[in-house]
Amino acid sequence: MTQEQEYGKMIPEPVPETAYFWEKVREHELWIQKCTDCDHVFHYPRFHCPKCTSSNLDWFQASGKGTLYTYMINHRPAPGFQDEAPYAIAVVQLEEGPRMMTNIVGIENTPENLVLDMALEVTFDDVLPDVTIPKWKPA
């Protein structure tokens, strides 16, 4: 049985650019990158700065704080998400600047509860022994 079959949903597959990010997420830490040439902070992980194309990058631990930037409530779930519908597919603005696509947990995903700019904090969902997914909850 594959991990996806065991979990019932697609799981992230680290590639060289993202391996460090997923390793730190398994440790329940959120790390993002910063360009040492232009100071641009960004997420998703990559080998070159999306602003100046420099390959001089550093990883640093993010605060784990953010705000709800936008969302949509999905009523037609993807395979494996049937028991969770309706659920929000959200974009969180990290305190450090970048945005991250995620799910909001800890509250019912309704327009009344999902207020734009609401304070959020990262939480970590250990979906399998060696797979953890960052999600966000109200702060």
N, C-alpha and C. Protein backbone atom coordinates (compact mmCIF):
# COMPACT_ATOMS: atom_id res chain seq x y z
N MET A 1 0.85 -1.18 0.00
CA MET A 1 0.00 0.00 0.00
C MET A 1 0.90 1.24 0.00
N THR A 2 0.62 2.18 -0.90
CA THR A 2 1.39 3.41 -0.95
C THR A 2 0.93 4.35 0.16
N GLN A 3 1.73 5.39 0.41
CA GLN A 3 1.36 6.37 1.43
C GLN A 3 0.06 7.07 1.07
N GLU A 4 -0.13 7.39 -0.22
CA GLU A 4 -1.37 8.05 -0.64
C GLU A 4 -2.57 7.15 -0.41
N GLN A 5 -2.42 5.87 -0.67
CA GLN A 5 -3.52 4.94 -0.43
C GLN A 5 -3.81 4.85 1.07
N GLU A 6 -2.76 4.83 1.88
CA GLU A 6 -2.93 4.76 3.32
C GLU A 6 -3.63 6.01 3.86
N TYR A 7 -3.22 7.18 3.38
CA TYR A 7 -3.77 8.47 3.83
C TYR A 7 -5.12 8.78 3.17
N GLY A 8 -5.29 8.36 1.93
CA GLY A 8 -6.54 8.61 1.22
C GLY A 8 -6.57 9.92 0.45
N LYS A 9 -5.49 10.68 0.49
CA LYS A 9 -5.38 11.95 -0.22
C LYS A 9 -3.99 12.04 -0.83
N MET A 10 -3.84 12.97 -1.76
CA MET A 10 -2.50 13.21 -2.30
C MET A 10 -1.62 13.76 -1.18
N ILE A 11 -0.36 13.38 -1.22
CA ILE A 11 0.59 13.91 -0.24
C ILE A 11 1.73 14.60 -0.97
N PRO A 12 2.37 15.56 -0.29
CA PRO A 12 3.47 16.27 -0.95
C PRO A 12 4.65 15.33 -1.20
N GLU A 13 5.28 15.52 -2.33
CA GLU A 13 6.48 14.76 -2.66
C GLU A 13 7.64 15.75 -2.74
N PRO A 14 8.49 15.77 -1.72
CA PRO A 14 9.62 16.71 -1.75
C PRO A 14 10.51 16.50 -2.97
N VAL A 15 10.95 17.62 -3.51
CA VAL A 15 11.95 17.65 -4.58
C VAL A 15 13.14 18.40 -4.00
N PRO A 16 14.29 18.42 -4.67
CA PRO A 16 15.46 19.07 -4.06
C PRO A 16 15.21 20.49 -3.55
N GLU A 17 14.41 21.28 -4.26
CA GLU A 17 14.15 22.66 -3.83
C GLU A 17 13.34 22.72 -2.54
N THR A 18 12.46 21.75 -2.34
CA THR A 18 11.53 21.81 -1.21
C THR A 18 11.87 20.86 -0.07
N ALA A 19 12.88 20.03 -0.23
CA ALA A 19 13.19 18.99 0.77
C ALA A 19 13.42 19.59 2.16
N TYR A 20 14.16 20.69 2.25
CA TYR A 20 14.45 21.29 3.56
C TYR A 20 13.16 21.80 4.20
N PHE A 21 12.30 22.43 3.42
CA PHE A 21 11.02 22.92 3.92
C PHE A 21 10.23 21.77 4.56
N TRP A 22 10.09 20.65 3.84
CA TRP A 22 9.30 19.52 4.35
C TRP A 22 9.98 18.84 5.53
N GLU A 23 11.30 18.83 5.54
CA GLU A 23 12.03 18.27 6.69
C GLU A 23 11.72 19.08 7.95
N LYS A 24 11.74 20.40 7.84
CA LYS A 24 11.45 21.25 9.00
C LYS A 24 9.97 21.17 9.40
N VAL A 25 9.09 21.04 8.43
CA VAL A 25 7.66 20.87 8.75
C VAL A 25 7.46 19.59 9.56
N ARG A 26 8.15 18.52 9.20
CA ARG A 26 8.06 17.27 9.99
C ARG A 26 8.49 17.50 11.44
N GLU A 27 9.37 18.49 11.67
CA GLU A 27 9.81 18.85 13.01
C GLU A 27 8.90 19.89 13.66
N HIS A 28 7.78 20.18 12.99
CA HIS A 28 6.80 21.17 13.45
C HIS A 28 7.39 22.58 13.52
N GLU A 29 8.16 22.91 12.49
CA GLU A 29 8.73 24.24 12.33
C GLU A 29 8.45 24.71 10.91
N LEU A 30 8.19 26.01 10.77
CA LEU A 30 7.91 26.60 9.46
C LEU A 30 9.12 27.45 9.05
N TRP A 31 9.80 27.04 8.00
CA TRP A 31 10.98 27.74 7.51
C TRP A 31 10.71 28.25 6.10
N ILE A 32 11.19 29.48 5.83
CA ILE A 32 11.04 30.07 4.50
C ILE A 32 12.40 30.63 4.07
N GLN A 33 12.47 31.12 2.86
CA GLN A 33 13.75 31.57 2.30
C GLN A 33 13.81 33.09 2.16
N LYS A 34 15.05 33.57 2.16
CA LYS A 34 15.32 34.99 1.96
C LYS A 34 16.56 35.12 1.08
N CYS A 35 16.51 36.03 0.14
CA CYS A 35 17.65 36.32 -0.73
C CYS A 35 18.65 37.18 0.05
N THR A 36 19.91 36.78 0.06
CA THR A 36 20.92 37.57 0.77
C THR A 36 21.42 38.75 -0.06
N ASP A 37 21.06 38.80 -1.35
CA ASP A 37 21.47 39.92 -2.19
C ASP A 37 20.45 41.07 -2.16
N CYS A 38 19.16 40.75 -2.27
CA CYS A 38 18.15 41.82 -2.34
C CYS A 38 17.20 41.82 -1.13
N ASP A 39 17.37 40.90 -0.19
CA ASP A 39 16.56 40.79 1.03
C ASP A 39 15.11 40.39 0.78
N HIS A 40 14.80 39.90 -0.40
CA HIS A 40 13.43 39.47 -0.70
C HIS A 40 13.13 38.17 0.04
N VAL A 41 12.00 38.14 0.75
CA VAL A 41 11.55 36.95 1.47
C VAL A 41 10.47 36.30 0.63
N PHE A 42 10.53 34.97 0.47
CA PHE A 42 9.57 34.33 -0.42
C PHE A 42 9.22 32.91 0.01
N HIS A 43 8.11 32.46 -0.50
CA HIS A 43 7.65 31.08 -0.36
C HIS A 43 6.86 30.80 -1.63
N TYR A 44 7.03 29.83 -2.24
CA TYR A 44 7.45 28.46 -2.11
C TYR A 44 8.95 28.36 -2.33
N PRO A 45 9.57 27.31 -1.78
CA PRO A 45 11.03 27.17 -1.90
C PRO A 45 11.49 26.99 -3.35
N ARG A 46 12.63 27.60 -3.64
CA ARG A 46 13.25 27.46 -4.97
C ARG A 46 14.74 27.74 -4.89
N PHE A 47 15.43 27.50 -5.98
CA PHE A 47 16.88 27.66 -6.00
C PHE A 47 17.34 29.08 -6.31
N HIS A 48 16.43 29.92 -6.82
CA HIS A 48 16.79 31.28 -7.21
C HIS A 48 15.74 32.26 -6.69
N CYS A 49 16.20 33.45 -6.35
CA CYS A 49 15.30 34.49 -5.88
C CYS A 49 14.34 34.88 -7.01
N PRO A 50 13.03 34.93 -6.74
CA PRO A 50 12.08 35.31 -7.79
C PRO A 50 12.13 36.80 -8.13
N LYS A 51 12.82 37.59 -7.31
CA LYS A 51 12.91 39.03 -7.56
C LYS A 51 14.15 39.39 -8.37
N CYS A 52 15.33 38.87 -7.95
CA CYS A 52 16.57 39.28 -8.62
C CYS A 52 17.32 38.12 -9.28
N THR A 53 16.82 36.92 -9.16
CA THR A 53 17.36 35.67 -9.71
C THR A 53 18.67 35.21 -9.07
N SER A 54 19.07 35.82 -7.98
CA SER A 54 20.28 35.40 -7.28
C SER A 54 20.09 34.00 -6.72
N SER A 55 21.17 33.26 -6.63
CA SER A 55 21.13 31.95 -5.98
C SER A 55 21.68 32.01 -4.56
N ASN A 56 21.93 33.21 -4.06
CA ASN A 56 22.42 33.41 -2.69
C ASN A 56 21.22 33.51 -1.74
N LEU A 57 20.82 32.36 -1.23
CA LEU A 57 19.60 32.28 -0.43
C LEU A 57 19.90 31.70 0.94
N ASP A 58 19.16 32.14 1.93
CA ASP A 58 19.23 31.58 3.27
C ASP A 58 17.84 31.13 3.69
N TRP A 59 17.79 30.10 4.52
CA TRP A 59 16.56 29.66 5.16
C TRP A 59 16.49 30.29 6.54
N PHE A 60 15.28 30.63 7.00
CA PHE A 60 15.10 31.08 8.37
C PHE A 60 13.74 30.63 8.88
N GLN A 61 13.65 30.50 10.20
CA GLN A 61 12.40 30.04 10.79
C GLN A 61 11.41 31.19 10.84
N ALA A 62 10.24 30.97 10.26
CA ALA A 62 9.18 31.97 10.27
C ALA A 62 8.50 31.97 11.64
N SER A 63 7.79 33.05 11.92
CA SER A 63 7.12 33.21 13.22
C SER A 63 5.95 32.24 13.39
N GLY A 64 5.38 31.78 12.28
CA GLY A 64 4.19 30.94 12.37
C GLY A 64 2.93 31.76 12.57
N LYS A 65 3.03 33.07 12.35
CA LYS A 65 1.87 33.96 12.48
C LYS A 65 1.53 34.53 11.11
N GLY A 66 0.24 34.76 10.91
CA GLY A 66 -0.19 35.32 9.64
C GLY A 66 -1.62 35.81 9.73
N THR A 67 -2.13 36.24 8.58
CA THR A 67 -3.52 36.69 8.50
C THR A 67 -4.17 36.06 7.28
N LEU A 68 -5.48 35.94 7.33
CA LEU A 68 -6.23 35.37 6.21
C LEU A 68 -6.29 36.40 5.09
N TYR A 69 -5.65 36.09 3.97
CA TYR A 69 -5.60 37.01 2.83
C TYR A 69 -6.83 36.83 1.94
N THR A 70 -7.15 35.59 1.61
CA THR A 70 -8.33 35.28 0.80
C THR A 70 -8.65 33.80 0.95
N TYR A 71 -9.81 33.41 0.47
CA TYR A 71 -10.20 31.99 0.54
C TYR A 71 -11.36 31.74 -0.41
N MET A 72 -11.61 30.48 -0.65
CA MET A 72 -12.84 30.05 -1.32
C MET A 72 -13.31 28.81 -0.58
N ILE A 73 -14.59 28.65 -0.47
CA ILE A 73 -15.14 27.48 0.19
C ILE A 73 -15.51 26.48 -0.89
N ASN A 74 -14.89 25.30 -0.80
CA ASN A 74 -15.09 24.25 -1.79
C ASN A 74 -16.20 23.32 -1.33
N HIS A 75 -17.25 23.23 -2.11
CA HIS A 75 -18.37 22.33 -1.82
C HIS A 75 -18.31 21.05 -2.65
N ARG A 76 -17.38 21.00 -3.62
CA ARG A 76 -17.21 19.82 -4.48
C ARG A 76 -15.81 19.29 -4.23
N PRO A 77 -15.66 18.46 -3.22
CA PRO A 77 -14.33 18.07 -2.76
C PRO A 77 -13.53 17.22 -3.73
N ALA A 78 -12.24 17.39 -3.64
CA ALA A 78 -11.30 16.54 -4.39
C ALA A 78 -11.30 15.16 -3.75
N PRO A 79 -10.83 14.14 -4.47
CA PRO A 79 -10.78 12.79 -3.88
C PRO A 79 -10.05 12.79 -2.54
N GLY A 80 -10.66 12.15 -1.56
CA GLY A 80 -10.10 12.06 -0.22
C GLY A 80 -10.61 13.12 0.73
N PHE A 81 -11.22 14.17 0.20
CA PHE A 81 -11.70 15.27 1.03
C PHE A 81 -13.22 15.25 1.23
N GLN A 82 -13.88 14.18 0.80
CA GLN A 82 -15.34 14.12 0.87
C GLN A 82 -15.87 14.36 2.28
N ASP A 83 -15.21 13.82 3.29
CA ASP A 83 -15.69 13.95 4.66
C ASP A 83 -15.43 15.34 5.25
N GLU A 84 -14.66 16.15 4.55
CA GLU A 84 -14.32 17.47 5.07
C GLU A 84 -15.12 18.59 4.42
N ALA A 85 -15.84 18.32 3.37
CA ALA A 85 -16.56 19.37 2.64
C ALA A 85 -17.76 19.84 3.46
N PRO A 86 -18.08 21.10 3.36
CA PRO A 86 -17.33 22.14 2.67
C PRO A 86 -16.10 22.56 3.47
N TYR A 87 -15.04 22.90 2.76
CA TYR A 87 -13.80 23.32 3.41
C TYR A 87 -13.20 24.48 2.62
N ALA A 88 -12.38 25.27 3.34
CA ALA A 88 -11.77 26.44 2.71
C ALA A 88 -10.42 26.08 2.09
N ILE A 89 -10.21 26.58 0.92
CA ILE A 89 -8.89 26.62 0.31
C ILE A 89 -8.48 28.07 0.49
N ALA A 90 -7.46 28.29 1.30
CA ALA A 90 -7.14 29.64 1.74
C ALA A 90 -5.73 30.05 1.36
N VAL A 91 -5.52 31.36 1.36
CA VAL A 91 -4.19 31.93 1.20
C VAL A 91 -3.93 32.75 2.46
N VAL A 92 -2.83 32.43 3.14
CA VAL A 92 -2.44 33.13 4.36
C VAL A 92 -1.27 34.05 4.04
N GLN A 93 -1.38 35.29 4.50
CA GLN A 93 -0.27 36.25 4.39
C GLN A 93 0.60 36.06 5.63
N LEU A 94 1.80 35.55 5.45
CA LEU A 94 2.70 35.34 6.57
C LEU A 94 3.16 36.69 7.14
N GLU A 95 3.44 36.71 8.43
CA GLU A 95 3.94 37.92 9.07
C GLU A 95 5.19 38.44 8.38
N GLU A 96 5.98 37.53 7.81
CA GLU A 96 7.23 37.90 7.14
C GLU A 96 7.02 38.41 5.71
N GLY A 97 5.79 38.31 5.18
CA GLY A 97 5.51 38.86 3.86
C GLY A 97 4.95 37.90 2.83
N PRO A 98 5.55 36.72 2.63
CA PRO A 98 5.04 35.83 1.59
C PRO A 98 3.64 35.30 1.90
N ARG A 99 3.04 34.73 0.90
CA ARG A 99 1.72 34.10 1.06
C ARG A 99 1.86 32.60 0.87
N MET A 100 0.98 31.86 1.55
CA MET A 100 1.01 30.40 1.52
C MET A 100 -0.40 29.87 1.34
N MET A 101 -0.58 28.96 0.39
CA MET A 101 -1.87 28.30 0.20
C MET A 101 -2.01 27.20 1.25
N THR A 102 -3.22 27.04 1.80
CA THR A 102 -3.40 26.15 2.92
C THR A 102 -4.88 25.83 3.15
N ASN A 103 -5.13 25.12 4.23
CA ASN A 103 -6.48 24.90 4.74
C ASN A 103 -6.56 25.54 6.12
N ILE A 104 -7.75 25.98 6.48
CA ILE A 104 -8.00 26.56 7.80
C ILE A 104 -8.68 25.47 8.64
N VAL A 105 -8.13 25.24 9.82
CA VAL A 105 -8.66 24.22 10.72
C VAL A 105 -9.04 24.86 12.05
N GLY A 106 -9.80 24.13 12.84
CA GLY A 106 -10.15 24.60 14.18
C GLY A 106 -11.42 25.40 14.25
N ILE A 107 -12.02 25.72 13.11
CA ILE A 107 -13.31 26.41 13.06
C ILE A 107 -14.09 25.87 11.87
N GLU A 108 -15.40 26.03 11.94
CA GLU A 108 -16.22 25.67 10.80
C GLU A 108 -15.92 26.65 9.67
N ASN A 109 -15.68 26.13 8.48
CA ASN A 109 -15.31 26.98 7.35
C ASN A 109 -16.54 27.57 6.69
N THR A 110 -17.03 28.66 7.27
CA THR A 110 -18.17 29.40 6.75
C THR A 110 -17.75 30.85 6.53
N PRO A 111 -18.46 31.58 5.68
CA PRO A 111 -18.12 33.00 5.48
C PRO A 111 -18.19 33.80 6.78
N GLU A 112 -19.08 33.42 7.69
CA GLU A 112 -19.20 34.15 8.96
C GLU A 112 -17.95 33.97 9.83
N ASN A 113 -17.32 32.81 9.74
CA ASN A 113 -16.14 32.52 10.56
C ASN A 113 -14.83 32.92 9.90
N LEU A 114 -14.80 32.92 8.59
CA LEU A 114 -13.56 33.21 7.86
C LEU A 114 -13.53 34.69 7.47
N VAL A 115 -13.07 35.49 8.39
CA VAL A 115 -13.04 36.94 8.22
C VAL A 115 -11.67 37.33 7.66
N LEU A 116 -11.68 38.05 6.54
CA LEU A 116 -10.41 38.46 5.95
C LEU A 116 -9.60 39.27 6.96
N ASP A 117 -8.31 39.08 6.94
CA ASP A 117 -7.35 39.71 7.84
C ASP A 117 -7.39 39.17 9.27
N MET A 118 -8.18 38.09 9.51
CA MET A 118 -8.18 37.52 10.85
C MET A 118 -6.80 36.94 11.17
N ALA A 119 -6.42 37.02 12.43
CA ALA A 119 -5.12 36.50 12.86
C ALA A 119 -5.14 34.97 12.86
N LEU A 120 -4.07 34.39 12.32
CA LEU A 120 -3.93 32.94 12.23
C LEU A 120 -2.57 32.52 12.75
N GLU A 121 -2.46 31.25 13.11
CA GLU A 121 -1.17 30.68 13.48
C GLU A 121 -1.06 29.30 12.86
N VAL A 122 0.16 28.93 12.55
CA VAL A 122 0.40 27.64 11.91
C VAL A 122 0.18 26.51 12.92
N THR A 123 -0.30 25.40 12.41
CA THR A 123 -0.41 24.17 13.17
C THR A 123 0.07 23.06 12.24
N PHE A 124 0.44 21.94 12.79
CA PHE A 124 1.03 20.89 11.98
C PHE A 124 0.22 19.61 12.10
N ASP A 125 -0.19 19.07 10.96
CA ASP A 125 -1.01 17.87 10.89
C ASP A 125 -0.11 16.70 10.50
N ASP A 126 0.16 15.82 11.46
CA ASP A 126 0.97 14.62 11.19
C ASP A 126 0.05 13.58 10.55
N VAL A 127 -0.02 13.58 9.23
CA VAL A 127 -0.97 12.72 8.53
C VAL A 127 -0.49 11.29 8.40
N LEU A 128 0.82 11.09 8.41
CA LEU A 128 1.46 9.77 8.39
C LEU A 128 2.71 9.87 9.24
N PRO A 129 3.30 8.76 9.65
CA PRO A 129 4.50 8.84 10.49
C PRO A 129 5.62 9.73 9.93
N ASP A 130 5.76 9.79 8.61
CA ASP A 130 6.83 10.62 8.04
C ASP A 130 6.31 11.73 7.12
N VAL A 131 5.02 12.08 7.26
CA VAL A 131 4.43 13.15 6.45
C VAL A 131 3.64 14.09 7.35
N THR A 132 4.04 15.36 7.33
CA THR A 132 3.36 16.39 8.10
C THR A 132 2.99 17.51 7.14
N ILE A 133 1.81 18.08 7.35
CA ILE A 133 1.33 19.15 6.48
C ILE A 133 1.02 20.38 7.35
N PRO A 134 1.57 21.55 6.97
CA PRO A 134 1.24 22.76 7.73
C PRO A 134 -0.16 23.23 7.36
N LYS A 135 -0.93 23.56 8.37
CA LYS A 135 -2.26 24.16 8.19
C LYS A 135 -2.34 25.36 9.11
N TRP A 136 -3.42 26.09 9.05
CA TRP A 136 -3.53 27.32 9.84
C TRP A 136 -4.83 27.30 10.63
N LYS A 137 -4.78 27.91 11.83
CA LYS A 137 -5.95 27.98 12.71
C LYS A 137 -6.04 29.38 13.28
N PRO A 138 -7.23 29.77 13.76
CA PRO A 138 -7.35 31.10 14.37
C PRO A 138 -6.37 31.26 15.53
N ALA A 139 -5.78 32.44 15.63
CA ALA A 139 -4.81 32.70 16.70
C ALA A 139 -5.53 33.06 17.99
